[in-house]
């Protein structure tokens, strides 16, 4: 049965455990955080939008993306600080992400505590806060840490035994829909579960409409604001857009790489769920799911329904080939809860609750730390990547895309700017171009047509043509080498050539 939320946290040991894992989780994230490494990709786009909103007090003209909750929050933070260097703002963005990721341990504890005992809730909170993938994601400054904090808070309130808390959970769900629009789908299982849980109580429909009002009063103003700016509402528009892709651009009538392929999605979901449970939690989940499927439990049915609906956007993303583990984070708290049922059996059989709780927490921390150390980015190499990016950004012509390391070239244009500044006032040089072609001849011809003057090739290039250039440069007399990192004994192996088009075409 659901635990009574009016119960206190439990013994002082439980409180000590919870405070300890929160502090360790926070400092572990800080340990892996490097503030002198700039944000790229999504993190950089959120940074620009947050900065623009903080200056304008509004969305920038022409902005048509969804998921503005995280940049809106960042804009509030950016308005209350003043730095001249962009790296300071980016560091603040990363810290905010780390804080939300760490604070999620609190709603995670209370969510599990609705179903299981205090000591199991502490173990479950440990699984979350020390998850290597959750830790890594929290360092990127992207929207996921804030989103997961809201989703877990929604779970904790929604599965509470008090109707007032359940009603307030609809407000939290509305906030999460602003951060990630796919949260809107959770209103469906929330409605079904709410009406079924409280069907025997008075004024159940009245309380439900209170919750629905809180949900819409959160979502609708943002949608109206965006419509008034002449852009899509970012909620319904994107759900309809996704439905259109599923119906019209699927594996039966489309051959594009990003078409929706349900088989591809169904294969990817269990794979990435399994990855997300590494390195320790995955041991306990399969047995528990098989056991719970055999039981008739409303609580499990509620969690199962919530989990299935949560995975619809995940299926859509993986079905279109967007393979990223962060799409399964929304289901991660539920799978942790499932795994704890097996752990409960182990502890009950031994009768050594406190001892085994300590052992499990220690094992979780050790396994996660070892896993993180094995996967962590080589900081010294990353610093070398930044040096090369700055070198490339100062060349007098455009260069080819040379993999993820080239993402930093765009950021180097920020070095000469004094912040805060609007993104449309930054003098971006558009230095990096993705060259087309299967052979070096085709790529050089494309470089000529697109104004690319330099080739940057690395020892770890996934492009076989560029890898061949790196390993056998003497074959290409029309490529004049201007930089070779091997002369500096660098970890990042890269060579930069200037293209002599006159000799190439002769």
Protein backbone atom coordinates (compact mmCIF):
# COMPACT_ATOMS: atom_id res chain seq x y z
CA UNK A 1 0.00 0.00 0.00
CA UNK A 2 1.04 3.61 -0.42
CA UNK A 3 2.82 4.97 2.60
CA UNK A 4 1.15 7.75 4.63
CA UNK A 5 2.92 10.99 3.73
CA UNK A 6 2.33 12.42 7.22
CA UNK A 7 4.89 10.01 8.65
CA UNK A 8 8.20 11.58 9.57
CA UNK A 9 11.37 10.72 7.68
CA UNK A 10 12.10 7.96 10.15
CA UNK A 11 15.06 7.38 12.35
CA UNK A 12 18.03 9.72 12.64
CA UNK A 13 20.07 7.09 10.79
CA UNK A 14 17.88 7.55 7.73
CA UNK A 15 18.35 11.32 7.86
CA UNK A 16 22.11 10.94 8.21
CA UNK A 17 22.20 8.55 5.25
CA UNK A 18 20.14 10.94 3.11
CA UNK A 19 22.23 14.01 3.95
CA UNK A 20 25.44 12.05 3.40
CA UNK A 21 24.56 10.73 -0.05
CA UNK A 22 23.31 14.19 -1.08
CA UNK A 23 26.61 15.83 -0.13
CA UNK A 24 28.72 13.06 -1.66
CA UNK A 25 26.63 13.19 -4.85
CA UNK A 26 27.08 16.95 -5.11
CA UNK A 27 30.84 16.94 -4.55
CA UNK A 28 31.25 14.00 -6.92
CA UNK A 29 29.65 16.09 -9.64
CA UNK A 30 31.83 19.07 -8.78
CA UNK A 31 34.88 16.82 -9.01
CA UNK A 32 34.11 15.97 -12.64
CA UNK A 33 33.04 19.51 -13.56
CA UNK A 34 35.55 21.60 -15.56
CA UNK A 35 34.40 25.19 -15.82
CA UNK A 36 37.05 26.17 -18.35
CA UNK A 37 35.56 23.80 -20.94
CA UNK A 38 32.84 25.72 -22.84
CA UNK A 39 29.36 24.45 -23.63
CA UNK A 40 28.59 23.11 -27.09
CA UNK A 41 25.57 21.87 -29.06
CA UNK A 42 22.32 21.97 -27.02
CA UNK A 43 24.02 23.44 -23.96
CA UNK A 44 25.35 26.32 -26.07
CA UNK A 45 21.94 26.98 -27.64
CA UNK A 46 20.28 27.09 -24.20
CA UNK A 47 23.03 29.46 -23.09
CA UNK A 48 22.39 31.85 -26.00
CA UNK A 49 18.62 31.80 -25.50
CA UNK A 50 18.91 32.31 -21.73
CA UNK A 51 21.26 35.24 -22.34
CA UNK A 52 18.97 36.78 -24.97
CA UNK A 53 15.88 36.55 -22.74
CA UNK A 54 17.79 38.03 -19.79
CA UNK A 55 18.69 41.07 -21.90
CA UNK A 56 15.48 41.51 -23.90
CA UNK A 57 12.98 40.45 -21.27
CA UNK A 58 11.31 38.55 -24.10
CA UNK A 59 11.95 35.84 -26.65
CA UNK A 60 14.24 36.96 -29.48
CA UNK A 61 12.50 37.65 -32.79
CA UNK A 62 12.59 34.64 -35.10
CA UNK A 63 13.07 32.08 -32.36
CA UNK A 64 10.91 29.06 -33.19
CA UNK A 65 12.19 26.24 -30.99
CA UNK A 66 10.31 24.46 -28.23
CA UNK A 67 11.31 23.61 -24.63
CA UNK A 68 11.97 27.11 -23.28
CA UNK A 69 11.60 26.27 -19.58
CA UNK A 70 15.32 25.83 -18.92
CA UNK A 71 16.42 28.98 -20.80
CA UNK A 72 13.69 30.93 -18.98
CA UNK A 73 15.12 29.79 -15.66
CA UNK A 74 18.66 30.62 -16.81
CA UNK A 75 17.56 34.09 -17.89
CA UNK A 76 16.43 34.83 -14.34
CA UNK A 77 19.81 33.71 -13.00
CA UNK A 78 21.73 35.64 -15.67
CA UNK A 79 19.78 38.83 -14.89
CA UNK A 80 21.04 38.79 -11.32
CA UNK A 81 24.75 38.41 -12.05
CA UNK A 82 27.22 40.34 -14.15
CA UNK A 83 30.27 38.76 -15.77
CA UNK A 84 32.31 39.95 -18.72
CA UNK A 85 33.57 36.49 -19.69
CA UNK A 86 31.20 33.99 -21.31
CA UNK A 87 32.88 31.10 -19.48
CA UNK A 88 31.66 32.48 -16.14
CA UNK A 89 28.06 32.43 -17.36
CA UNK A 90 28.52 28.92 -18.74
CA UNK A 91 29.99 27.78 -15.43
CA UNK A 92 26.94 29.17 -13.68
CA UNK A 93 24.69 27.28 -16.10
CA UNK A 94 26.52 24.04 -15.34
CA UNK A 95 26.32 24.66 -11.59
CA UNK A 96 22.55 25.18 -11.82
CA UNK A 97 22.24 21.88 -13.66
CA UNK A 98 24.36 20.14 -11.02
CA UNK A 99 22.25 21.60 -8.21
CA UNK A 100 18.97 20.40 -9.75
CA UNK A 101 20.46 16.96 -10.39
CA UNK A 102 21.58 16.75 -6.77
CA UNK A 103 18.32 18.06 -5.31
CA UNK A 104 16.38 15.39 -7.20
CA UNK A 105 17.48 13.00 -4.45
CA UNK A 106 14.82 14.57 -2.18
CA UNK A 107 11.71 13.94 -4.31
CA UNK A 108 13.25 10.62 -5.33
CA UNK A 109 13.39 9.58 -1.67
CA UNK A 110 9.79 10.60 -1.00
CA UNK A 111 8.55 8.97 -4.22
CA UNK A 112 10.01 5.60 -3.23
CA UNK A 113 8.90 6.09 0.37
CA UNK A 114 5.27 6.06 -0.80
CA UNK A 115 5.76 2.40 -1.72
CA UNK A 116 8.60 1.04 0.38
CA UNK A 117 10.31 1.57 3.74
CA UNK A 118 12.69 4.39 4.58
CA UNK A 119 15.94 2.46 4.27
CA UNK A 120 14.93 1.21 0.80
CA UNK A 121 14.07 4.76 -0.21
CA UNK A 122 17.60 5.80 0.77
CA UNK A 123 19.07 3.01 -1.33
CA UNK A 124 16.84 4.02 -4.25
CA UNK A 125 17.88 7.65 -3.90
CA UNK A 126 21.51 6.46 -3.95
CA UNK A 127 20.92 4.58 -7.20
CA UNK A 128 19.68 7.81 -8.74
CA UNK A 129 22.16 10.36 -7.43
CA UNK A 130 25.17 8.13 -8.19
CA UNK A 131 24.01 6.97 -11.61
CA UNK A 132 27.00 7.62 -13.90
CA UNK A 133 24.79 8.70 -16.78
CA UNK A 134 22.78 11.08 -14.59
CA UNK A 135 26.03 12.57 -13.27
CA UNK A 136 27.52 12.96 -16.76
CA UNK A 137 24.36 14.58 -18.08
CA UNK A 138 24.24 17.04 -15.17
CA UNK A 139 27.61 18.46 -16.26
CA UNK A 140 26.39 19.44 -19.74
CA UNK A 141 24.26 22.41 -18.72
CA UNK A 142 21.28 21.10 -20.70
CA UNK A 143 17.62 20.86 -19.79
CA UNK A 144 17.52 17.28 -18.51
CA UNK A 145 18.52 17.84 -14.86
CA UNK A 146 15.76 20.45 -14.41
CA UNK A 147 13.26 18.25 -16.27
CA UNK A 148 14.00 15.12 -14.24
CA UNK A 149 13.80 17.12 -11.00
CA UNK A 150 10.29 18.23 -11.97
CA UNK A 151 9.19 14.79 -13.18
CA UNK A 152 10.37 13.03 -10.01
CA UNK A 153 8.72 15.77 -7.93
CA UNK A 154 5.52 15.13 -9.89
CA UNK A 155 5.77 11.40 -9.15
CA UNK A 156 6.38 12.03 -5.45
CA UNK A 157 3.39 14.34 -5.12
CA UNK A 158 1.06 12.43 -7.43
CA UNK A 159 1.49 9.12 -5.60
CA UNK A 160 0.97 10.83 -2.27
CA UNK A 161 -2.01 9.73 -0.20
CA UNK A 162 -3.27 13.30 0.27
CA UNK A 163 -5.50 14.73 -2.42
CA UNK A 164 -4.13 18.26 -1.99
CA UNK A 165 -0.63 17.09 -2.83
CA UNK A 166 -1.96 15.10 -5.77
CA UNK A 167 -3.79 18.18 -7.05
CA UNK A 168 -0.62 20.30 -6.72
CA UNK A 169 1.29 17.68 -8.69
CA UNK A 170 -0.64 18.81 -11.80
CA UNK A 171 1.01 22.22 -11.44
CA UNK A 172 4.44 20.55 -11.36
CA UNK A 173 3.48 18.53 -14.43
CA UNK A 174 2.59 21.78 -16.16
CA UNK A 175 6.04 23.20 -15.36
CA UNK A 176 7.73 20.08 -16.71
CA UNK A 177 5.68 20.45 -19.94
CA UNK A 178 7.26 23.87 -20.42
CA UNK A 179 10.71 22.38 -19.90
CA UNK A 180 10.05 19.37 -22.15
CA UNK A 181 6.81 19.45 -24.12
CA UNK A 182 6.38 15.65 -24.15
CA UNK A 183 5.40 15.81 -20.47
CA UNK A 184 2.00 16.88 -21.76
CA UNK A 185 1.25 13.23 -22.52
CA UNK A 186 1.42 12.34 -18.81
CA UNK A 187 -1.88 14.15 -18.26
CA UNK A 188 -3.52 11.03 -19.74
CA UNK A 189 -2.29 8.45 -17.18
CA UNK A 190 -2.56 11.10 -14.44
CA UNK A 191 -6.27 11.50 -15.21
CA UNK A 192 -6.95 7.76 -15.34
CA UNK A 193 -5.05 7.02 -12.13
CA UNK A 194 -6.50 9.97 -10.21
CA UNK A 195 -10.11 9.11 -11.02
CA UNK A 196 -9.53 5.45 -10.22
CA UNK A 197 -7.64 6.02 -6.93
CA UNK A 198 -10.18 8.43 -5.47
CA UNK A 199 -13.35 7.11 -7.10
CA UNK A 200 -14.90 6.24 -3.73
CA UNK A 201 -14.21 9.64 -2.19
CA UNK A 202 -16.43 12.73 -2.21
CA UNK A 203 -15.97 15.49 -4.76
CA UNK A 204 -13.39 13.51 -6.71
CA UNK A 205 -14.29 15.24 -9.99
CA UNK A 206 -14.08 18.64 -8.32
CA UNK A 207 -10.55 17.94 -7.08
CA UNK A 208 -9.58 16.60 -10.49
CA UNK A 209 -10.72 19.82 -12.18
CA UNK A 210 -8.73 21.82 -9.61
CA UNK A 211 -5.64 19.89 -10.71
CA UNK A 212 -6.49 20.29 -14.39
CA UNK A 213 -6.90 24.02 -13.85
CA UNK A 214 -3.44 24.25 -12.25
CA UNK A 215 -1.98 22.30 -15.17
CA UNK A 216 -3.49 24.52 -17.86
CA UNK A 217 -2.88 27.78 -15.99
CA UNK A 218 0.81 26.86 -16.15
CA UNK A 219 0.99 25.73 -19.77
CA UNK A 220 -1.43 28.05 -21.58
CA UNK A 221 0.18 31.44 -20.72
CA UNK A 222 3.51 30.29 -22.17
CA UNK A 223 1.77 28.97 -25.28
CA UNK A 224 -0.12 32.26 -25.75
CA UNK A 225 3.09 34.22 -25.23
CA UNK A 226 4.79 32.27 -28.01
CA UNK A 227 1.82 32.60 -30.34
CA UNK A 228 1.83 36.36 -29.78
CA UNK A 229 5.49 36.33 -30.79
CA UNK A 230 4.40 34.77 -34.08
CA UNK A 231 5.92 31.34 -33.37
CA UNK A 232 4.39 27.90 -32.70
CA UNK A 233 3.04 27.36 -29.20
CA UNK A 234 5.74 24.74 -28.55
CA UNK A 235 3.38 22.22 -26.95
CA UNK A 236 0.42 21.13 -29.06
CA UNK A 237 2.21 22.18 -32.26
CA UNK A 238 5.09 19.80 -31.59
CA UNK A 239 2.85 16.91 -30.53
CA UNK A 240 0.92 17.29 -33.79
CA UNK A 241 4.19 17.58 -35.64
CA UNK A 242 5.38 14.30 -34.13
CA UNK A 243 2.08 12.62 -35.00
CA UNK A 244 2.46 13.84 -38.58
CA UNK A 245 5.91 12.26 -38.85
CA UNK A 246 4.64 8.94 -37.47
CA UNK A 247 1.79 8.81 -39.99
CA UNK A 248 3.46 10.24 -43.08
CA UNK A 249 7.19 9.65 -42.70
CA UNK A 250 7.46 6.09 -41.44
CA UNK A 251 9.35 3.04 -42.65
CA UNK A 252 6.52 2.12 -45.05
CA UNK A 253 6.40 5.30 -47.12
CA UNK A 254 9.72 7.05 -46.52
CA UNK A 255 13.37 6.19 -47.01
CA UNK A 256 15.02 9.10 -45.18
CA UNK A 257 17.44 8.39 -42.34
CA UNK A 258 15.25 10.20 -39.81
CA UNK A 259 11.98 8.52 -40.77
CA UNK A 260 10.00 6.94 -37.96
CA UNK A 261 10.76 3.20 -37.72
CA UNK A 262 8.85 1.57 -34.87
CA UNK A 263 11.03 -1.56 -34.99
CA UNK A 264 14.17 0.54 -34.62
CA UNK A 265 12.56 2.29 -31.66
CA UNK A 266 11.44 -0.90 -29.95
CA UNK A 267 14.93 -2.37 -30.26
CA UNK A 268 16.63 0.76 -28.89
CA UNK A 269 14.40 1.26 -25.82
CA UNK A 270 15.44 -1.86 -23.84
CA UNK A 271 19.05 -1.36 -24.94
CA UNK A 272 19.26 2.17 -23.54
CA UNK A 273 17.22 1.32 -20.45
CA UNK A 274 19.77 -1.41 -19.75
CA UNK A 275 22.63 1.03 -20.23
CA UNK A 276 21.00 3.56 -17.91
CA UNK A 277 20.85 0.98 -15.11
CA UNK A 278 24.59 0.31 -15.24
CA UNK A 279 26.76 -0.41 -13.39
CA UNK A 280 24.84 -1.90 -10.44
CA UNK A 281 21.08 -1.31 -10.56
CA UNK A 282 20.48 -3.53 -13.60
CA UNK A 283 21.18 -6.65 -11.49
CA UNK A 284 17.93 -6.28 -9.54
CA UNK A 285 15.40 -5.01 -12.09
CA UNK A 286 14.64 -7.99 -14.42
CA UNK A 287 13.73 -10.40 -11.62
CA UNK A 288 11.47 -7.84 -9.96
CA UNK A 289 9.54 -7.00 -13.14
CA UNK A 290 8.85 -10.68 -13.79
CA UNK A 291 7.68 -11.11 -10.19
CA UNK A 292 5.45 -8.03 -10.20
CA UNK A 293 3.82 -9.01 -13.49
CA UNK A 294 2.43 -12.07 -11.72
CA UNK A 295 0.83 -10.02 -8.96
CA UNK A 296 -2.40 -8.08 -9.03
CA UNK A 297 -1.40 -4.78 -7.53
CA UNK A 298 -3.01 -1.45 -8.30
CA UNK A 299 0.18 0.35 -7.34
CA UNK A 300 2.18 -1.61 -9.87
CA UNK A 301 -0.50 -1.08 -12.52
CA UNK A 302 -0.37 2.66 -11.90
CA UNK A 303 3.42 2.73 -12.24
CA UNK A 304 3.27 0.51 -15.31
CA UNK A 305 0.73 2.79 -17.01
CA UNK A 306 2.73 5.92 -16.14
CA UNK A 307 5.90 4.27 -17.44
CA UNK A 308 4.35 3.13 -20.74
CA UNK A 309 3.00 6.61 -21.54
CA UNK A 310 6.33 8.16 -20.52
CA UNK A 311 8.09 5.97 -23.08
CA UNK A 312 5.99 7.13 -26.05
CA UNK A 313 8.27 10.16 -26.75
CA UNK A 314 11.24 7.85 -26.20
CA UNK A 315 9.91 5.44 -28.82
CA UNK A 316 9.42 8.36 -31.19
CA UNK A 317 12.98 9.64 -30.68
CA UNK A 318 14.64 6.25 -31.05
CA UNK A 319 12.34 5.36 -33.93
CA UNK A 320 13.73 8.36 -35.81
CA UNK A 321 17.31 7.33 -35.08
CA UNK A 322 18.01 9.92 -32.36
CA UNK A 323 19.96 7.56 -30.13
CA UNK A 324 20.74 9.27 -26.85
CA UNK A 325 20.48 7.71 -23.41
CA UNK A 326 18.85 10.82 -21.93
CA UNK A 327 15.52 9.90 -23.54
CA UNK A 328 15.06 7.07 -21.01
CA UNK A 329 15.83 9.19 -17.94
CA UNK A 330 12.11 9.87 -17.51
CA UNK A 331 11.50 6.16 -16.77
CA UNK A 332 14.65 5.73 -14.67
CA UNK A 333 12.99 6.46 -11.26
CA UNK A 334 10.33 3.81 -11.88
CA UNK A 335 12.88 1.14 -12.79
CA UNK A 336 14.87 1.98 -9.67
CA UNK A 337 11.71 1.43 -7.64
CA UNK A 338 11.17 -1.93 -9.32
CA UNK A 339 14.71 -3.02 -8.50
CA UNK A 340 14.22 -2.20 -4.83
CA UNK A 341 11.59 -4.92 -4.43
CA UNK A 342 14.29 -7.53 -5.00
CA UNK A 343 16.66 -5.74 -2.63
CA UNK A 344 13.91 -5.73 0.00
CA UNK A 345 13.69 -9.52 -0.24
CA UNK A 346 17.44 -9.87 0.23
CA UNK A 347 17.49 -7.63 3.30
CA UNK A 348 14.42 -9.25 4.88
CA UNK A 349 15.96 -12.72 4.54
CA UNK A 350 19.16 -11.67 6.28
CA UNK A 351 17.55 -9.38 8.87
CA UNK A 352 20.60 -7.07 8.85
CA UNK A 353 18.89 -3.90 7.68
CA UNK A 354 21.40 -1.22 8.73
CA UNK A 355 24.44 -3.25 7.76
CA UNK A 356 23.14 -4.14 4.29
CA UNK A 357 21.88 -0.61 3.69
CA UNK A 358 25.43 0.65 4.27
CA UNK A 359 26.86 -2.10 2.08
CA UNK A 360 24.50 -1.32 -0.80
CA UNK A 361 25.22 2.41 -0.63
CA UNK A 362 28.98 1.82 -0.53
CA UNK A 363 28.76 -0.59 -3.48
CA UNK A 364 26.67 1.89 -5.44
CA UNK A 365 29.18 4.70 -4.84
CA UNK A 366 32.24 2.56 -5.60
CA UNK A 367 30.81 0.98 -8.75
CA UNK A 368 29.60 4.33 -10.07
CA UNK A 369 32.91 6.07 -9.34
CA UNK A 370 34.89 3.33 -11.09
CA UNK A 371 32.48 3.46 -14.03
CA UNK A 372 32.79 7.25 -14.25
CA UNK A 373 36.58 7.15 -14.08
CA UNK A 374 36.60 4.63 -16.90
CA UNK A 375 34.31 6.79 -19.07
CA UNK A 376 35.35 10.32 -18.17
CA UNK A 377 36.71 12.65 -20.80
CA UNK A 378 40.47 13.13 -20.81
CA UNK A 379 40.73 16.67 -19.48
CA UNK A 380 44.27 17.29 -20.77
CA UNK A 381 43.26 16.14 -24.24
CA UNK A 382 40.17 18.35 -24.12
CA UNK A 383 42.36 21.36 -23.35
CA UNK A 384 44.42 20.52 -26.42
CA UNK A 385 41.23 20.30 -28.46
CA UNK A 386 40.38 23.84 -27.35
CA UNK A 387 43.81 25.10 -28.40
CA UNK A 388 43.35 23.58 -31.86
CA UNK A 389 39.83 25.03 -32.10
CA UNK A 390 41.22 28.49 -31.36
CA UNK A 391 43.93 27.99 -33.98
CA UNK A 392 41.34 26.93 -36.57
CA UNK A 393 39.07 29.86 -35.70
CA UNK A 394 41.89 32.30 -36.49
CA UNK A 395 42.65 30.87 -39.95
CA UNK A 396 41.87 33.17 -42.85
CA UNK A 397 39.41 30.74 -44.41
CA UNK A 398 36.86 28.06 -43.69
CA UNK A 399 37.70 24.51 -42.59
CA UNK A 400 35.98 21.15 -42.79
CA UNK A 401 34.00 19.54 -40.00
CA UNK A 402 36.44 17.22 -38.19
CA UNK A 403 34.10 15.59 -35.70
CA UNK A 404 32.91 16.55 -32.23
CA UNK A 405 36.19 18.38 -31.60
CA UNK A 406 35.19 20.96 -34.22
CA UNK A 407 32.14 22.01 -32.15
CA UNK A 408 34.42 24.25 -30.09
CA UNK A 409 35.46 26.36 -33.11
CA UNK A 410 32.17 28.29 -33.05
CA UNK A 411 32.59 28.99 -29.34
CA UNK A 412 36.02 30.54 -29.92
CA UNK A 413 34.29 33.54 -31.54
CA UNK A 414 33.02 34.41 -28.06
CA UNK A 415 36.53 35.12 -26.76
CA UNK A 416 36.57 38.60 -28.26
CA UNK A 417 33.10 39.54 -26.98
CA UNK A 418 32.25 41.36 -23.77
CA UNK A 419 29.24 39.87 -22.00
CA UNK A 420 26.33 40.16 -21.53
CA UNK A 421 25.58 40.45 -25.25
CA UNK A 422 22.78 39.36 -27.59
CA UNK A 423 23.57 36.32 -29.70
CA UNK A 424 22.70 38.18 -32.94
CA UNK A 425 25.37 40.78 -32.13
CA UNK A 426 28.14 38.19 -31.96
CA UNK A 427 30.35 38.08 -35.05
CA UNK A 428 30.23 34.37 -35.89
CA UNK A 429 32.55 33.47 -38.74
CA UNK A 430 30.84 30.19 -39.76
CA UNK A 431 34.26 28.59 -40.07
CA UNK A 432 33.24 24.92 -40.14
CA UNK A 433 31.66 23.21 -43.16
CA UNK A 434 30.61 19.57 -43.50
CA UNK A 435 32.10 18.49 -46.80
CA UNK A 436 30.19 16.11 -49.07
CA UNK A 437 31.65 13.31 -51.14
CA UNK A 438 33.02 9.79 -50.81
CA UNK A 439 36.52 10.36 -52.19
CA UNK A 440 39.13 13.03 -51.57
CA UNK A 441 38.58 14.34 -55.10
CA UNK A 442 34.87 14.85 -54.45
CA UNK A 443 35.56 16.48 -51.08
CA UNK A 444 38.13 18.91 -52.51
CA UNK A 445 35.72 19.87 -55.30
CA UNK A 446 33.01 20.48 -52.68
CA UNK A 447 35.50 22.50 -50.62
CA UNK A 448 36.18 24.72 -53.64
CA UNK A 449 32.49 25.28 -54.26
CA UNK A 450 31.77 26.09 -50.60
CA UNK A 451 34.75 28.33 -49.91
CA UNK A 452 36.70 25.90 -47.71
CA UNK A 453 40.44 26.58 -47.74
CA UNK A 454 41.74 24.22 -45.05
CA UNK A 455 41.46 20.54 -44.19
CA UNK A 456 41.63 19.45 -40.56
CA UNK A 457 42.13 15.70 -40.17
CA UNK A 458 42.49 13.68 -36.97
CA UNK A 459 43.88 10.29 -36.08
CA UNK A 460 40.48 9.17 -34.79
CA UNK A 461 38.41 10.41 -37.72
CA UNK A 462 35.36 8.30 -38.56
CA UNK A 463 35.66 9.48 -42.16
CA UNK A 464 37.90 6.95 -43.94
CA UNK A 465 38.92 9.48 -46.57
CA UNK A 466 40.24 11.94 -44.00
CA UNK A 467 41.85 9.12 -42.03
CA UNK A 468 43.72 8.12 -45.17
CA UNK A 469 44.95 11.72 -45.57
CA UNK A 470 46.17 11.72 -41.97
CA UNK A 471 48.10 8.46 -42.35
CA UNK A 472 49.45 9.03 -45.87
CA UNK A 473 49.81 12.76 -46.32
CA UNK A 474 52.72 12.48 -48.79
CA UNK A 475 50.32 11.15 -51.42
CA UNK A 476 48.47 14.47 -51.53
CA UNK A 477 50.92 17.03 -52.88
CA UNK A 478 48.19 19.66 -53.21
CA UNK A 479 47.76 19.69 -49.41
CA UNK A 480 50.28 21.97 -47.70
CA UNK A 481 50.66 21.04 -44.03
CA UNK A 482 50.63 24.03 -41.69
CA UNK A 483 50.19 22.25 -38.37
CA UNK A 484 51.00 18.82 -36.92
CA UNK A 485 50.25 18.08 -33.27
CA UNK A 486 52.65 15.12 -33.25
CA UNK A 487 55.52 17.59 -33.07
CA UNK A 488 54.20 18.71 -29.69
CA UNK A 489 53.62 15.20 -28.31
CA UNK A 490 49.94 16.04 -27.94
CA UNK A 491 47.27 13.54 -26.96
CA UNK A 492 44.94 15.00 -29.58
CA UNK A 493 46.46 13.93 -32.89
CA UNK A 494 45.56 16.39 -35.62
CA UNK A 495 47.04 17.71 -38.86
CA UNK A 496 45.93 20.87 -40.63
CA UNK A 497 46.49 21.42 -44.35
CA UNK A 498 45.95 24.37 -46.64
CA UNK A 499 44.42 23.32 -49.96
CA UNK A 500 46.43 24.36 -53.00
CA UNK A 501 43.61 24.44 -55.54
CA UNK A 502 45.91 25.51 -58.37
CA UNK A 503 48.02 22.38 -58.00
CA UNK A 504 44.93 20.22 -57.38
CA UNK A 505 43.30 21.23 -60.68
CA UNK A 506 46.58 21.13 -62.62
